């Protein structure tokens, strides 16, 4: 399960990394990923719960490190 707090932490980490890269294309990709994490964090709770249930049913294991993009 990815909580709102976790999503915002991932977004901040992507934005932090974007500041460190010199490649403009990579920077833009990281900023887009940060926006996606922020969007996921601010979705309605019922929408987030639907994604959570779908993730549980997939049998996918959670990654030990923060993912770079939200799973949909």
N, C-alpha and C. Protein backbone atom coordinates (compact mmCIF):
# COMPACT_ATOMS: atom_id res chain seq x y z
N UNK A 1 0.84 -1.17 0.00
CA UNK A 1 0.00 0.00 0.00
C UNK A 1 0.89 1.25 0.00
N UNK A 2 0.56 2.18 -0.84
CA UNK A 2 1.28 3.45 -0.89
C UNK A 2 0.38 4.52 -0.29
N UNK A 3 0.81 5.09 0.80
CA UNK A 3 0.00 6.10 1.48
C UNK A 3 0.24 7.47 0.87
N UNK A 4 -0.61 8.41 1.23
CA UNK A 4 -0.46 9.79 0.78
C UNK A 4 0.91 10.34 1.18
N UNK A 5 1.32 10.06 2.41
CA UNK A 5 2.61 10.54 2.90
C UNK A 5 3.75 9.95 2.08
N UNK A 6 3.69 8.65 1.79
CA UNK A 6 4.73 8.02 0.98
C UNK A 6 4.78 8.63 -0.41
N UNK A 7 3.63 8.84 -1.02
CA UNK A 7 3.57 9.44 -2.36
C UNK A 7 4.24 10.81 -2.36
N UNK A 8 3.96 11.61 -1.35
CA UNK A 8 4.57 12.94 -1.28
C UNK A 8 6.07 12.85 -1.03
N UNK A 9 6.50 11.86 -0.26
CA UNK A 9 7.94 11.66 -0.05
C UNK A 9 8.62 11.30 -1.36
N UNK A 10 8.00 10.41 -2.13
CA UNK A 10 8.55 10.02 -3.42
C UNK A 10 8.62 11.23 -4.36
N UNK A 11 7.57 12.05 -4.34
CA UNK A 11 7.55 13.25 -5.18
C UNK A 11 8.69 14.19 -4.82
N UNK A 12 8.90 14.39 -3.53
CA UNK A 12 10.00 15.26 -3.09
C UNK A 12 11.36 14.70 -3.50
N UNK A 13 11.52 13.39 -3.40
CA UNK A 13 12.78 12.77 -3.78
C UNK A 13 13.04 12.93 -5.28
N UNK A 14 12.03 12.76 -6.10
CA UNK A 14 12.19 12.94 -7.54
C UNK A 14 12.54 14.39 -7.86
N UNK A 15 11.89 15.33 -7.20
CA UNK A 15 12.18 16.74 -7.42
C UNK A 15 13.61 17.07 -6.97
N UNK A 16 14.04 16.48 -5.86
CA UNK A 16 15.40 16.70 -5.37
C UNK A 16 16.42 16.19 -6.39
N UNK A 17 16.16 15.00 -6.90
CA UNK A 17 17.07 14.43 -7.89
C UNK A 17 17.08 15.25 -9.18
N UNK A 18 15.93 15.81 -9.53
CA UNK A 18 15.85 16.63 -10.75
C UNK A 18 16.78 17.84 -10.65
N UNK A 19 16.92 18.37 -9.45
CA UNK A 19 17.81 19.53 -9.25
C UNK A 19 19.28 19.16 -9.42
N UNK A 20 19.60 17.88 -9.27
CA UNK A 20 21.00 17.44 -9.29
C UNK A 20 21.50 17.06 -10.68
N UNK A 21 20.60 16.85 -11.62
CA UNK A 21 21.03 16.40 -12.95
C UNK A 21 21.22 17.58 -13.89
N UNK A 22 22.17 17.42 -14.79
CA UNK A 22 22.43 18.49 -15.76
C UNK A 22 21.70 18.27 -17.08
N UNK A 23 21.28 17.03 -17.34
CA UNK A 23 20.58 16.70 -18.58
C UNK A 23 19.14 17.21 -18.51
N UNK A 24 18.75 18.15 -19.38
CA UNK A 24 17.41 18.73 -19.31
C UNK A 24 16.29 17.72 -19.56
N UNK A 25 16.54 16.73 -20.41
CA UNK A 25 15.51 15.71 -20.66
C UNK A 25 15.27 14.85 -19.42
N UNK A 26 16.35 14.46 -18.78
CA UNK A 26 16.22 13.66 -17.56
C UNK A 26 15.57 14.48 -16.45
N UNK A 27 15.96 15.74 -16.35
CA UNK A 27 15.35 16.61 -15.34
C UNK A 27 13.83 16.69 -15.55
N UNK A 28 13.41 16.87 -16.80
CA UNK A 28 11.98 16.96 -17.08
C UNK A 28 11.25 15.65 -16.78
N UNK A 29 11.89 14.53 -17.08
CA UNK A 29 11.29 13.23 -16.76
C UNK A 29 11.10 13.07 -15.25
N UNK A 30 12.13 13.45 -14.48
CA UNK A 30 12.03 13.35 -13.02
C UNK A 30 10.95 14.28 -12.48
N UNK A 31 10.84 15.48 -13.04
CA UNK A 31 9.79 16.41 -12.60
C UNK A 31 8.40 15.88 -12.95
N UNK A 32 8.27 15.22 -14.10
CA UNK A 32 6.98 14.61 -14.47
C UNK A 32 6.62 13.48 -13.51
N UNK A 33 7.62 12.69 -13.14
CA UNK A 33 7.37 11.62 -12.18
C UNK A 33 6.95 12.21 -10.83
N UNK A 34 7.61 13.28 -10.42
CA UNK A 34 7.23 13.95 -9.17
C UNK A 34 5.79 14.44 -9.24
N UNK A 35 5.39 15.00 -10.37
CA UNK A 35 4.00 15.45 -10.53
C UNK A 35 3.02 14.28 -10.45
N UNK A 36 3.41 13.14 -11.05
CA UNK A 36 2.54 11.96 -10.99
C UNK A 36 2.36 11.48 -9.55
N UNK A 37 3.45 11.47 -8.78
CA UNK A 37 3.35 11.08 -7.37
C UNK A 37 2.46 12.05 -6.60
N UNK A 38 2.60 13.34 -6.87
CA UNK A 38 1.77 14.33 -6.19
C UNK A 38 0.31 14.14 -6.56
N UNK A 39 0.04 13.88 -7.83
CA UNK A 39 -1.34 13.62 -8.26
C UNK A 39 -1.92 12.41 -7.54
N UNK A 40 -1.12 11.37 -7.43
CA UNK A 40 -1.60 10.16 -6.75
C UNK A 40 -1.90 10.45 -5.28
N UNK A 41 -1.08 11.26 -4.66
CA UNK A 41 -1.26 11.58 -3.24
C UNK A 41 -2.53 12.38 -3.00
N UNK A 42 -2.94 13.17 -3.99
CA UNK A 42 -4.09 14.06 -3.79
C UNK A 42 -5.38 13.52 -4.38
N UNK A 43 -5.36 12.29 -4.90
CA UNK A 43 -6.59 11.68 -5.41
C UNK A 43 -7.58 11.45 -4.28
N UNK A 44 -8.80 11.26 -4.68
CA UNK A 44 -9.83 10.94 -3.68
C UNK A 44 -9.49 9.61 -3.02
N UNK A 45 -9.77 9.48 -1.73
CA UNK A 45 -9.45 8.24 -1.02
C UNK A 45 -10.07 7.00 -1.66
N UNK A 46 -11.28 7.10 -2.20
CA UNK A 46 -11.91 5.93 -2.80
C UNK A 46 -11.14 5.47 -4.03
N UNK A 47 -10.58 6.41 -4.78
CA UNK A 47 -9.79 6.07 -5.96
C UNK A 47 -8.50 5.38 -5.53
N UNK A 48 -7.86 5.90 -4.50
CA UNK A 48 -6.63 5.30 -3.99
C UNK A 48 -6.90 3.89 -3.47
N UNK A 49 -8.05 3.70 -2.80
CA UNK A 49 -8.40 2.38 -2.27
C UNK A 49 -8.61 1.39 -3.41
N UNK A 50 -9.21 1.82 -4.51
CA UNK A 50 -9.41 0.95 -5.65
C UNK A 50 -8.06 0.49 -6.22
N UNK A 51 -7.09 1.39 -6.30
CA UNK A 51 -5.77 1.02 -6.77
C UNK A 51 -5.08 0.08 -5.80
N UNK A 52 -5.27 0.32 -4.52
CA UNK A 52 -4.67 -0.54 -3.49
C UNK A 52 -5.20 -1.96 -3.62
N UNK A 53 -6.50 -2.11 -3.79
CA UNK A 53 -7.10 -3.42 -3.93
C UNK A 53 -6.62 -4.11 -5.20
N UNK A 54 -6.49 -3.36 -6.27
CA UNK A 54 -5.99 -3.93 -7.52
C UNK A 54 -4.55 -4.40 -7.35
N UNK A 55 -3.73 -3.63 -6.65
CA UNK A 55 -2.34 -4.01 -6.41
C UNK A 55 -2.26 -5.28 -5.57
N UNK A 56 -3.12 -5.41 -4.57
CA UNK A 56 -3.11 -6.59 -3.72
C UNK A 56 -3.49 -7.83 -4.52
N UNK A 57 -4.42 -7.69 -5.43
CA UNK A 57 -4.87 -8.81 -6.23
C UNK A 57 -3.89 -9.24 -7.29
N UNK A 58 -2.92 -8.40 -7.61
CA UNK A 58 -1.98 -8.72 -8.68
C UNK A 58 -0.90 -9.70 -8.23
N UNK A 59 -0.70 -9.83 -6.91
CA UNK A 59 0.34 -10.70 -6.40
C UNK A 59 1.73 -10.09 -6.52
N UNK A 60 1.81 -8.84 -6.91
CA UNK A 60 3.10 -8.17 -7.06
C UNK A 60 3.67 -7.85 -5.69
N UNK A 61 4.95 -8.07 -5.54
CA UNK A 61 5.64 -7.73 -4.29
C UNK A 61 6.00 -6.25 -4.30
N UNK A 62 5.99 -5.64 -3.13
CA UNK A 62 6.40 -4.24 -3.00
C UNK A 62 7.91 -4.15 -3.13
N UNK A 63 8.37 -3.10 -3.76
CA UNK A 63 9.79 -2.86 -3.93
C UNK A 63 10.37 -2.36 -2.61
N UNK A 64 11.57 -2.81 -2.23
CA UNK A 64 12.15 -2.34 -0.97
C UNK A 64 12.60 -0.88 -1.03
N UNK A 65 12.83 -0.35 -2.23
CA UNK A 65 13.20 1.05 -2.36
C UNK A 65 12.06 1.80 -3.04
N UNK A 66 11.98 3.11 -2.85
CA UNK A 66 10.88 3.88 -3.44
C UNK A 66 10.89 3.79 -4.96
N UNK A 67 9.75 3.51 -5.56
CA UNK A 67 9.67 3.47 -7.01
C UNK A 67 9.78 4.88 -7.58
N UNK A 68 10.20 4.97 -8.82
CA UNK A 68 10.33 6.27 -9.46
C UNK A 68 9.02 6.75 -10.06
N UNK A 69 8.06 5.87 -10.20
CA UNK A 69 6.78 6.30 -10.76
C UNK A 69 5.66 5.54 -10.07
N UNK A 70 4.52 6.18 -9.89
CA UNK A 70 3.40 5.50 -9.24
C UNK A 70 2.88 4.34 -10.08
N UNK A 71 2.50 3.29 -9.41
CA UNK A 71 1.88 2.17 -10.12
C UNK A 71 0.42 2.47 -10.27
N UNK A 72 -0.11 2.24 -11.45
CA UNK A 72 -1.55 2.46 -11.72
C UNK A 72 -2.22 1.15 -11.98
